[in-house]
Amino acid sequence: AVLRRLPDEERRQLLAASVPIHLARRQVLQEAGSPLAVVLFPVTCVI
């Protein structure tokens, strides 16, 4: 929904620098206290 709300050109530029990935259940993406370094737009996963 966030990507869908962006203007076409801005969305195109972001997607040009994106990578589609698959995430496994119980996978830890980031632990509390560590620098924020993960930016993800979920599609079918829930975090």
All heavy atoms as atom14 arrays in JSON, in Angstrom:
{
  "sequence": "AVLRRLPDEERRQLLAASVPIHLARRQVLQEAGSPLAVVLFPVTCVI",
  "atom14_mask": [
    [1, 1, 1, 1, 1, 0, 0, 0, 0, 0, 0, 0, 0, 0],
    [1, 1, 1, 1, 1, 1, 1, 0, 0, 0, 0, 0, 0, 0],
    [1, 1, 1, 1, 1, 1, 1, 1, 0, 0, 0, 0, 0, 0],
    [1, 1, 1, 1, 1, 1, 1, 1, 1, 1, 1, 0, 0, 0],
    [1, 1, 1, 1, 1, 1, 1, 1, 1, 1, 1, 0, 0, 0],
    [1, 1, 1, 1, 1, 1, 1, 1, 0, 0, 0, 0, 0, 0],
    [1, 1, 1, 1, 1, 1, 1, 0, 0, 0, 0, 0, 0, 0],
    [1, 1, 1, 1, 1, 1, 1, 1, 0, 0, 0, 0, 0, 0],
    [1, 1, 1, 1, 1, 1, 1, 1, 1, 0, 0, 0, 0, 0],
    [1, 1, 1, 1, 1, 1, 1, 1, 1, 0, 0, 0, 0, 0],
    [1, 1, 1, 1, 1, 1, 1, 1, 1, 1, 1, 0, 0, 0],
    [1, 1, 1, 1, 1, 1, 1, 1, 1, 1, 1, 0, 0, 0],
    [1, 1, 1, 1, 1, 1, 1, 1, 1, 0, 0, 0, 0, 0],
    [1, 1, 1, 1, 1, 1, 1, 1, 0, 0, 0, 0, 0, 0],
    [1, 1, 1, 1, 1, 1, 1, 1, 0, 0, 0, 0, 0, 0],
    [1, 1, 1, 1, 1, 0, 0, 0, 0, 0, 0, 0, 0, 0],
    [1, 1, 1, 1, 1, 0, 0, 0, 0, 0, 0, 0, 0, 0],
    [1, 1, 1, 1, 1, 1, 0, 0, 0, 0, 0, 0, 0, 0],
    [1, 1, 1, 1, 1, 1, 1, 0, 0, 0, 0, 0, 0, 0],
    [1, 1, 1, 1, 1, 1, 1, 0, 0, 0, 0, 0, 0, 0],
    [1, 1, 1, 1, 1, 1, 1, 1, 0, 0, 0, 0, 0, 0],
    [1, 1, 1, 1, 1, 1, 1, 1, 1, 1, 0, 0, 0, 0],
    [1, 1, 1, 1, 1, 1, 1, 1, 0, 0, 0, 0, 0, 0],
    [1, 1, 1, 1, 1, 0, 0, 0, 0, 0, 0, 0, 0, 0],
    [1, 1, 1, 1, 1, 1, 1, 1, 1, 1, 1, 0, 0, 0],
    [1, 1, 1, 1, 1, 1, 1, 1, 1, 1, 1, 0, 0, 0],
    [1, 1, 1, 1, 1, 1, 1, 1, 1, 0, 0, 0, 0, 0],
    [1, 1, 1, 1, 1, 1, 1, 0, 0, 0, 0, 0, 0, 0],
    [1, 1, 1, 1, 1, 1, 1, 1, 0, 0, 0, 0, 0, 0],
    [1, 1, 1, 1, 1, 1, 1, 1, 1, 0, 0, 0, 0, 0],
    [1, 1, 1, 1, 1, 1, 1, 1, 1, 0, 0, 0, 0, 0],
    [1, 1, 1, 1, 1, 0, 0, 0, 0, 0, 0, 0, 0, 0],
    [1, 1, 1, 1, 0, 0, 0, 0, 0, 0, 0, 0, 0, 0],
    [1, 1, 1, 1, 1, 1, 0, 0, 0, 0, 0, 0, 0, 0],
    [1, 1, 1, 1, 1, 1, 1, 0, 0, 0, 0, 0, 0, 0],
    [1, 1, 1, 1, 1, 1, 1, 1, 0, 0, 0, 0, 0, 0],
    [1, 1, 1, 1, 1, 0, 0, 0, 0, 0, 0, 0, 0, 0],
    [1, 1, 1, 1, 1, 1, 1, 0, 0, 0, 0, 0, 0, 0],
    [1, 1, 1, 1, 1, 1, 1, 0, 0, 0, 0, 0, 0, 0],
    [1, 1, 1, 1, 1, 1, 1, 1, 0, 0, 0, 0, 0, 0],
    [1, 1, 1, 1, 1, 1, 1, 1, 1, 1, 1, 0, 0, 0],
    [1, 1, 1, 1, 1, 1, 1, 0, 0, 0, 0, 0, 0, 0],
    [1, 1, 1, 1, 1, 1, 1, 0, 0, 0, 0, 0, 0, 0],
    [1, 1, 1, 1, 1, 1, 1, 0, 0, 0, 0, 0, 0, 0],
    [1, 1, 1, 1, 1, 1, 0, 0, 0, 0, 0, 0, 0, 0],
    [1, 1, 1, 1, 1, 1, 1, 0, 0, 0, 0, 0, 0, 0],
    [1, 1, 1, 1, 1, 1, 1, 1, 0, 0, 0, 0, 0, 0]
  ],
  "atom14_positions": [
    [[0.81, -1.22, 0.0], [0.0, 0.0, 0.0], [0.84, 1.27, 0.0], [0.45, 2.27, -0.61], [-0.94, 0.0, 1.21], [0.0, 0.0, 0.0], [0.0, 0.0, 0.0], [0.0, 0.0, 0.0], [0.0, 0.0, 0.0], [0.0, 0.0, 0.0], [0.0, 0.0, 0.0], [0.0, 0.0, 0.0], [0.0, 0.0, 0.0], [0.0, 0.0, 0.0]],
    [[1.99, 1.26, 0.69], [2.83, 2.46, 0.73], [3.39, 2.75, -0.66], [3.33, 3.9, -1.14], [3.97, 2.3, 1.76], [4.92, 3.5, 1.7], [3.4, 2.17, 3.16], [0.0, 0.0, 0.0], [0.0, 0.0, 0.0], [0.0, 0.0, 0.0], [0.0, 0.0, 0.0], [0.0, 0.0, 0.0], [0.0, 0.0, 0.0], [0.0, 0.0, 0.0]],
    [[3.92, 1.73, -1.33], [4.42, 1.93, -2.69], [3.3, 2.34, -3.63], [3.49, 3.18, -4.52], [5.09, 0.66, -3.19], [6.44, 0.31, -2.55], [6.91, -1.07, -3.02], [7.49, 1.37, -2.85], [0.0, 0.0, 0.0], [0.0, 0.0, 0.0], [0.0, 0.0, 0.0], [0.0, 0.0, 0.0], [0.0, 0.0, 0.0], [0.0, 0.0, 0.0]],
    [[2.13, 1.77, -3.44], [0.99, 2.08, -4.31], [0.58, 3.54, -4.2], [0.09, 4.13, -5.17], [-0.18, 1.16, -3.96], [-1.32, 1.21, -4.97], [-2.34, 0.12, -4.7], [-2.96, 0.25, -3.4], [-2.88, -0.66, -2.44], [-2.16, -1.75, -2.62], [-3.5, -0.48, -1.29], [0.0, 0.0, 0.0], [0.0, 0.0, 0.0], [0.0, 0.0, 0.0]],
    [[0.78, 4.14, -3.04], [0.38, 5.54, -2.83], [1.37, 6.54, -3.39], [1.08, 7.73, -3.47], [0.18, 5.8, -1.34], [-1.0, 5.04, -0.73], [-1.04, 5.23, 0.78], [-1.17, 6.62, 1.14], [-0.82, 7.11, 2.33], [-0.29, 6.3, 3.24], [-0.98, 8.38, 2.6], [0.0, 0.0, 0.0], [0.0, 0.0, 0.0], [0.0, 0.0, 0.0]],
    [[2.56, 6.08, -3.78], [3.56, 6.99, -4.32], [3.25, 7.35, -5.77], [2.67, 6.55, -6.51], [4.95, 6.34, -4.26], [5.51, 6.03, -2.88], [6.86, 5.33, -3.02], [5.66, 7.29, -2.04], [0.0, 0.0, 0.0], [0.0, 0.0, 0.0], [0.0, 0.0, 0.0], [0.0, 0.0, 0.0], [0.0, 0.0, 0.0], [0.0, 0.0, 0.0]],
    [[3.65, 8.55, -6.22], [3.52, 8.89, -7.64], [4.31, 7.9, -8.49], [5.31, 7.31, -8.05], [4.12, 10.3, -7.72], [4.0, 10.85, -6.33], [4.18, 9.67, -5.42], [0.0, 0.0, 0.0], [0.0, 0.0, 0.0], [0.0, 0.0, 0.0], [0.0, 0.0, 0.0], [0.0, 0.0, 0.0], [0.0, 0.0, 0.0], [0.0, 0.0, 0.0]],
    [[3.91, 7.72, -9.74], [4.51, 6.71, -10.61], [6.02, 6.87, -10.73], [6.76, 5.88, -10.66], [3.88, 6.77, -12.0], [2.44, 6.3, -11.99], [2.03, 5.64, -11.01], [1.72, 6.6, -12.97], [0.0, 0.0, 0.0], [0.0, 0.0, 0.0], [0.0, 0.0, 0.0], [0.0, 0.0, 0.0], [0.0, 0.0, 0.0], [0.0, 0.0, 0.0]],
    [[6.5, 8.09, -10.91], [7.93, 8.3, -11.14], [8.74, 7.97, -9.89], [9.78, 7.29, -9.97], [8.2, 9.75, -11.56], [9.67, 10.07, -11.81], [10.29, 9.21, -12.91], [9.55, 8.68, -13.75], [11.53, 9.07, -12.92], [0.0, 0.0, 0.0], [0.0, 0.0, 0.0], [0.0, 0.0, 0.0], [0.0, 0.0, 0.0], [0.0, 0.0, 0.0]],
    [[8.28, 8.41, -8.72], [8.98, 8.11, -7.49], [8.99, 6.6, -7.2], [9.99, 6.04, -6.76], [8.36, 8.86, -6.31], [8.75, 10.32, -6.23], [7.9, 11.22, -7.11], [7.18, 10.7, -7.99], [7.93, 12.45, -6.91], [0.0, 0.0, 0.0], [0.0, 0.0, 0.0], [0.0, 0.0, 0.0], [0.0, 0.0, 0.0], [0.0, 0.0, 0.0]],
    [[7.86, 5.95, -7.47], [7.79, 4.5, -7.26], [8.74, 3.79, -8.22], [9.45, 2.85, -7.83], [6.37, 3.99, -7.46], [6.24, 2.49, -7.22], [4.79, 2.03, -7.18], [4.09, 2.33, -8.4], [3.11, 3.22, -8.51], [2.71, 3.9, -7.45], [2.52, 3.43, -9.66], [0.0, 0.0, 0.0], [0.0, 0.0, 0.0], [0.0, 0.0, 0.0]],
    [[8.8, 4.24, -9.47], [9.69, 3.61, -10.45], [11.15, 3.74, -10.01], [11.93, 2.78, -10.13], [9.49, 4.27, -11.82], [10.3, 3.62, -12.94], [10.29, 4.46, -14.19], [10.97, 5.72, -13.97], [12.31, 5.86, -13.96], [13.09, 4.8, -14.13], [12.86, 7.03, -13.75], [0.0, 0.0, 0.0], [0.0, 0.0, 0.0], [0.0, 0.0, 0.0]],
    [[11.54, 4.89, -9.51], [12.92, 5.1, -9.08], [13.28, 4.21, -7.89], [14.37, 3.64, -7.83], [13.15, 6.57, -8.74], [13.1, 7.49, -9.94], [13.26, 8.95, -9.56], [13.42, 9.29, -8.38], [13.19, 9.84, -10.55], [0.0, 0.0, 0.0], [0.0, 0.0, 0.0], [0.0, 0.0, 0.0], [0.0, 0.0, 0.0], [0.0, 0.0, 0.0]],
    [[12.35, 4.08, -6.95], [12.61, 3.19, -5.81], [12.74, 1.74, -6.24], [13.63, 1.02, -5.8], [11.5, 3.34, -4.77], [11.51, 4.58, -3.89], [10.33, 4.56, -2.94], [12.82, 4.67, -3.1], [0.0, 0.0, 0.0], [0.0, 0.0, 0.0], [0.0, 0.0, 0.0], [0.0, 0.0, 0.0], [0.0, 0.0, 0.0], [0.0, 0.0, 0.0]],
    [[11.85, 1.31, -7.12], [11.87, -0.09, -7.55], [13.1, -0.41, -8.39], [13.56, -1.56, -8.41], [10.59, -0.41, -8.32], [9.31, -0.4, -7.48], [8.1, -0.67, -8.35], [9.4, -1.42, -6.37], [0.0, 0.0, 0.0], [0.0, 0.0, 0.0], [0.0, 0.0, 0.0], [0.0, 0.0, 0.0], [0.0, 0.0, 0.0], [0.0, 0.0, 0.0]],
    [[13.64, 0.59, -9.06], [14.85, 0.37, -9.84], [16.03, 0.04, -8.93], [17.01, -0.57, -9.38], [15.16, 1.61, -10.68], [0.0, 0.0, 0.0], [0.0, 0.0, 0.0], [0.0, 0.0, 0.0], [0.0, 0.0, 0.0], [0.0, 0.0, 0.0], [0.0, 0.0, 0.0], [0.0, 0.0, 0.0], [0.0, 0.0, 0.0], [0.0, 0.0, 0.0]],
    [[15.95, 0.44, -7.67], [17.03, 0.18, -6.7], [16.6, -0.84, -5.66], [17.13, -0.88, -4.56], [17.44, 1.48, -6.02], [0.0, 0.0, 0.0], [0.0, 0.0, 0.0], [0.0, 0.0, 0.0], [0.0, 0.0, 0.0], [0.0, 0.0, 0.0], [0.0, 0.0, 0.0], [0.0, 0.0, 0.0], [0.0, 0.0, 0.0], [0.0, 0.0, 0.0]],
    [[15.63, -1.68, -6.0], [15.08, -2.64, -5.04], [15.44, -4.06, -5.41], [15.84, -4.35, -6.55], [13.55, -2.49, -4.97], [12.95, -2.97, -6.17], [0.0, 0.0, 0.0], [0.0, 0.0, 0.0], [0.0, 0.0, 0.0], [0.0, 0.0, 0.0], [0.0, 0.0, 0.0], [0.0, 0.0, 0.0], [0.0, 0.0, 0.0], [0.0, 0.0, 0.0]],
    [[15.26, -4.95, -4.43], [15.49, -6.38, -4.63], [14.32, -7.14, -4.02], [14.03, -6.98, -2.83], [16.8, -6.85, -3.95], [16.97, -8.35, -4.13], [18.0, -6.11, -4.53], [0.0, 0.0, 0.0], [0.0, 0.0, 0.0], [0.0, 0.0, 0.0], [0.0, 0.0, 0.0], [0.0, 0.0, 0.0], [0.0, 0.0, 0.0], [0.0, 0.0, 0.0]],
    [[13.6, -7.97, -4.8], [12.54, -8.81, -4.23], [13.16, -9.97, -3.46], [14.1, -10.61, -3.94], [11.77, -9.29, -5.45], [12.76, -9.25, -6.57], [13.71, -8.12, -6.27], [0.0, 0.0, 0.0], [0.0, 0.0, 0.0], [0.0, 0.0, 0.0], [0.0, 0.0, 0.0], [0.0, 0.0, 0.0], [0.0, 0.0, 0.0], [0.0, 0.0, 0.0]],
    [[12.67, -10.24, -2.27], [13.23, -11.29, -1.43], [12.12, -12.12, -0.81], [10.95, -11.73, -0.83], [14.12, -10.7, -0.3], [13.28, -9.78, 0.6], [15.32, -9.97, -0.86], [14.03, -9.27, 1.82], [0.0, 0.0, 0.0], [0.0, 0.0, 0.0], [0.0, 0.0, 0.0], [0.0, 0.0, 0.0], [0.0, 0.0, 0.0], [0.0, 0.0, 0.0]],
    [[12.51, -13.25, -0.28], [11.58, -14.09, 0.48], [12.09, -14.17, 1.91], [13.28, -14.35, 2.16], [11.49, -15.49, -0.12], [10.5, -16.37, 0.58], [10.84, -17.13, 1.68], [9.19, -16.61, 0.35], [9.77, -17.79, 2.1], [8.76, -17.5, 1.3], [0.0, 0.0, 0.0], [0.0, 0.0, 0.0], [0.0, 0.0, 0.0], [0.0, 0.0, 0.0]],
    [[11.16, -14.04, 2.87], [11.51, -14.08, 4.29], [10.87, -15.3, 4.95], [9.71, -15.62, 4.7], [11.04, -12.8, 4.99], [11.63, -11.5, 4.45], [10.97, -10.29, 5.11], [13.13, -11.46, 4.68], [0.0, 0.0, 0.0], [0.0, 0.0, 0.0], [0.0, 0.0, 0.0], [0.0, 0.0, 0.0], [0.0, 0.0, 0.0], [0.0, 0.0, 0.0]],
    [[11.65, -15.96, 5.8], [11.19, -17.17, 6.46], [10.55, -16.84, 7.81], [10.92, -15.88, 8.48], [12.36, -18.13, 6.68], [0.0, 0.0, 0.0], [0.0, 0.0, 0.0], [0.0, 0.0, 0.0], [0.0, 0.0, 0.0], [0.0, 0.0, 0.0], [0.0, 0.0, 0.0], [0.0, 0.0, 0.0], [0.0, 0.0, 0.0], [0.0, 0.0, 0.0]],
    [[9.59, -17.66, 8.21], [8.94, -17.49, 9.5], [9.97, -17.57, 10.63], [10.89, -18.38, 10.59], [7.86, -18.56, 9.68], [7.17, -18.52, 11.04], [6.04, -19.53, 11.09], [5.48, -19.63, 12.42], [5.82, -20.56, 13.32], [6.74, -21.47, 13.0], [5.27, -20.59, 14.51], [0.0, 0.0, 0.0], [0.0, 0.0, 0.0], [0.0, 0.0, 0.0]],
    [[9.82, -16.7, 11.61], [10.68, -16.57, 12.79], [12.06, -15.99, 12.46], [12.93, -15.95, 13.32], [10.84, -17.9, 13.52], [9.56, -18.37, 14.22], [9.8, -19.65, 15.0], [8.62, -20.03, 15.78], [8.51, -21.16, 16.45], [9.53, -22.02, 16.44], [7.42, -21.44, 17.13], [0.0, 0.0, 0.0], [0.0, 0.0, 0.0], [0.0, 0.0, 0.0]],
    [[12.25, -15.55, 11.25], [13.52, -14.93, 10.89], [13.66, -13.58, 11.59], [12.76, -12.75, 11.55], [13.58, -14.73, 9.38], [14.91, -14.21, 8.86], [14.94, -14.19, 7.34], [14.11, -14.84, 6.7], [15.88, -13.48, 6.77], [0.0, 0.0, 0.0], [0.0, 0.0, 0.0], [0.0, 0.0, 0.0], [0.0, 0.0, 0.0], [0.0, 0.0, 0.0]],
    [[14.77, -13.37, 12.28], [15.02, -12.1, 12.96], [15.71, -11.16, 11.98], [16.82, -11.43, 11.51], [15.89, -12.3, 14.22], [16.19, -10.96, 14.88], [15.2, -13.23, 15.2], [0.0, 0.0, 0.0], [0.0, 0.0, 0.0], [0.0, 0.0, 0.0], [0.0, 0.0, 0.0], [0.0, 0.0, 0.0], [0.0, 0.0, 0.0], [0.0, 0.0, 0.0]],
    [[15.06, -10.05, 11.68], [15.58, -9.09, 10.72], [16.43, -8.01, 11.38], [17.36, -7.48, 10.78], [14.43, -8.42, 9.97], [13.43, -9.36, 9.28], [12.3, -8.55, 8.67], [14.12, -10.21, 8.24], [0.0, 0.0, 0.0], [0.0, 0.0, 0.0], [0.0, 0.0, 0.0], [0.0, 0.0, 0.0], [0.0, 0.0, 0.0], [0.0, 0.0, 0.0]],
    [[16.09, -7.68, 12.6], [16.76, -6.6, 13.31], [16.53, -6.8, 14.8], [15.42, -7.14, 15.23], [16.16, -5.26, 12.89], [16.77, -4.04, 13.54], [17.8, -3.39, 12.65], [17.6, -3.25, 11.46], [18.91, -2.97, 13.22], [0.0, 0.0, 0.0], [0.0, 0.0, 0.0], [0.0, 0.0, 0.0], [0.0, 0.0, 0.0], [0.0, 0.0, 0.0]],
    [[17.59, -6.63, 15.58], [17.43, -6.74, 17.02], [17.4, -5.37, 17.66], [18.04, -4.43, 17.17], [18.58, -7.58, 17.61], [18.48, -9.05, 17.25], [19.49, -9.89, 17.99], [20.44, -9.31, 18.56], [19.33, -11.13, 18.0], [0.0, 0.0, 0.0], [0.0, 0.0, 0.0], [0.0, 0.0, 0.0], [0.0, 0.0, 0.0], [0.0, 0.0, 0.0]],
    [[16.67, -5.25, 18.75], [16.59, -3.98, 19.47], [17.99, -3.55, 19.91], [18.8, -4.37, 20.34], [15.68, -4.13, 20.68], [0.0, 0.0, 0.0], [0.0, 0.0, 0.0], [0.0, 0.0, 0.0], [0.0, 0.0, 0.0], [0.0, 0.0, 0.0], [0.0, 0.0, 0.0], [0.0, 0.0, 0.0], [0.0, 0.0, 0.0], [0.0, 0.0, 0.0]],
    [[18.26, -2.26, 19.77], [19.55, -1.73, 20.18], [20.58, -1.67, 19.08], [21.65, -1.07, 19.27], [0.0, 0.0, 0.0], [0.0, 0.0, 0.0], [0.0, 0.0, 0.0], [0.0, 0.0, 0.0], [0.0, 0.0, 0.0], [0.0, 0.0, 0.0], [0.0, 0.0, 0.0], [0.0, 0.0, 0.0], [0.0, 0.0, 0.0], [0.0, 0.0, 0.0]],
    [[20.29, -2.26, 17.93], [21.23, -2.2, 16.82], [20.8, -1.1, 15.85], [19.62, -0.74, 15.79], [21.28, -3.55, 16.09], [20.0, -3.89, 15.59], [0.0, 0.0, 0.0], [0.0, 0.0, 0.0], [0.0, 0.0, 0.0], [0.0, 0.0, 0.0], [0.0, 0.0, 0.0], [0.0, 0.0, 0.0], [0.0, 0.0, 0.0], [0.0, 0.0, 0.0]],
    [[21.74, -0.52, 15.1], [21.4, 0.58, 14.18], [20.38, 0.12, 13.14], [20.47, -1.0, 12.61], [22.75, 0.93, 13.53], [23.77, 0.45, 14.49], [23.19, -0.78, 15.13], [0.0, 0.0, 0.0], [0.0, 0.0, 0.0], [0.0, 0.0, 0.0], [0.0, 0.0, 0.0], [0.0, 0.0, 0.0], [0.0, 0.0, 0.0], [0.0, 0.0, 0.0]],
    [[19.4, 0.98, 12.85], [18.42, 0.66, 11.83], [19.1, 0.53, 10.47], [19.74, 1.46, 9.99], [17.36, 1.76, 11.77], [16.28, 1.74, 12.86], [15.48, 3.03, 12.84], [15.37, 0.55, 12.69], [0.0, 0.0, 0.0], [0.0, 0.0, 0.0], [0.0, 0.0, 0.0], [0.0, 0.0, 0.0], [0.0, 0.0, 0.0], [0.0, 0.0, 0.0]],
    [[19.0, -0.63, 9.88], [19.7, -0.87, 8.62], [18.86, -1.66, 7.63], [19.35, -2.02, 6.57], [21.01, -1.62, 8.89], [0.0, 0.0, 0.0], [0.0, 0.0, 0.0], [0.0, 0.0, 0.0], [0.0, 0.0, 0.0], [0.0, 0.0, 0.0], [0.0, 0.0, 0.0], [0.0, 0.0, 0.0], [0.0, 0.0, 0.0], [0.0, 0.0, 0.0]],
    [[17.61, -1.93, 7.97], [16.75, -2.74, 7.11], [15.55, -1.9, 6.67], [14.85, -1.34, 7.51], [16.25, -3.99, 7.86], [15.28, -4.78, 6.99], [17.41, -4.85, 8.29], [0.0, 0.0, 0.0], [0.0, 0.0, 0.0], [0.0, 0.0, 0.0], [0.0, 0.0, 0.0], [0.0, 0.0, 0.0], [0.0, 0.0, 0.0], [0.0, 0.0, 0.0]],
    [[15.34, -1.78, 5.37], [14.15, -1.13, 4.84], [13.44, -2.13, 3.95], [13.99, -2.58, 2.94], [14.5, 0.14, 4.04], [13.24, 0.71, 3.39], [15.13, 1.19, 4.95], [0.0, 0.0, 0.0], [0.0, 0.0, 0.0], [0.0, 0.0, 0.0], [0.0, 0.0, 0.0], [0.0, 0.0, 0.0], [0.0, 0.0, 0.0], [0.0, 0.0, 0.0]],
    [[12.24, -2.51, 4.34], [11.48, -3.52, 3.61], [10.05, -3.05, 3.39], [9.42, -2.48, 4.29], [11.44, -4.84, 4.39], [12.76, -5.57, 4.64], [12.53, -6.73, 5.59], [13.35, -6.06, 3.33], [0.0, 0.0, 0.0], [0.0, 0.0, 0.0], [0.0, 0.0, 0.0], [0.0, 0.0, 0.0], [0.0, 0.0, 0.0], [0.0, 0.0, 0.0]],
    [[9.54, -3.33, 2.21], [8.12, -3.15, 1.91], [7.5, -4.55, 1.83], [7.67, -5.25, 0.83], [7.94, -2.41, 0.58], [8.4, -0.98, 0.6], [9.72, -0.66, 0.29], [7.53, 0.04, 0.94], [10.15, 0.65, 0.31], [7.96, 1.37, 0.96], [9.27, 1.67, 0.65], [0.0, 0.0, 0.0], [0.0, 0.0, 0.0], [0.0, 0.0, 0.0]],
    [[6.81, -4.99, 2.88], [6.21, -6.33, 2.85], [5.17, -6.45, 1.74], [4.46, -5.49, 1.42], [5.55, -6.45, 4.23], [6.31, -5.49, 5.09], [6.63, -4.34, 4.19], [0.0, 0.0, 0.0], [0.0, 0.0, 0.0], [0.0, 0.0, 0.0], [0.0, 0.0, 0.0], [0.0, 0.0, 0.0], [0.0, 0.0, 0.0], [0.0, 0.0, 0.0]],
    [[5.1, -7.63, 1.15], [4.11, -7.91, 0.11], [3.16, -9.01, 0.58], [1.96, -8.81, 0.64], [4.8, -8.31, -1.21], [3.77, -8.72, -2.27], [5.65, -7.15, -1.73], [0.0, 0.0, 0.0], [0.0, 0.0, 0.0], [0.0, 0.0, 0.0], [0.0, 0.0, 0.0], [0.0, 0.0, 0.0], [0.0, 0.0, 0.0], [0.0, 0.0, 0.0]],
    [[3.72, -10.16, 0.95], [2.87, -11.24, 1.47], [3.3, -11.69, 2.86], [2.63, -12.55, 3.44], [2.9, -12.47, 0.52], [4.27, -12.92, 0.38], [2.35, -12.12, -0.85], [0.0, 0.0, 0.0], [0.0, 0.0, 0.0], [0.0, 0.0, 0.0], [0.0, 0.0, 0.0], [0.0, 0.0, 0.0], [0.0, 0.0, 0.0], [0.0, 0.0, 0.0]],
    [[4.39, -11.16, 3.38], [4.84, -11.53, 4.73], [4.23, -10.6, 5.77], [3.69, -9.54, 5.44], [6.37, -11.47, 4.82], [7.06, -9.82, 4.55], [0.0, 0.0, 0.0], [0.0, 0.0, 0.0], [0.0, 0.0, 0.0], [0.0, 0.0, 0.0], [0.0, 0.0, 0.0], [0.0, 0.0, 0.0], [0.0, 0.0, 0.0], [0.0, 0.0, 0.0]],
    [[4.29, -11.01, 7.02], [3.88, -10.17, 8.16], [5.04, -10.13, 9.14], [5.61, -11.18, 9.48], [2.62, -10.71, 8.85], [2.27, -9.87, 10.08], [1.45, -10.72, 7.87], [0.0, 0.0, 0.0], [0.0, 0.0, 0.0], [0.0, 0.0, 0.0], [0.0, 0.0, 0.0], [0.0, 0.0, 0.0], [0.0, 0.0, 0.0], [0.0, 0.0, 0.0]],
    [[5.39, -8.94, 9.59], [6.54, -8.75, 10.46], [6.09, -8.16, 11.79], [5.3, -7.22, 11.84], [7.58, -7.84, 9.79], [8.08, -8.5, 8.49], [8.76, -7.56, 10.72], [8.99, -7.65, 7.66], [0.0, 0.0, 0.0], [0.0, 0.0, 0.0], [0.0, 0.0, 0.0], [0.0, 0.0, 0.0], [0.0, 0.0, 0.0], [0.0, 0.0, 0.0]]
  ]
}
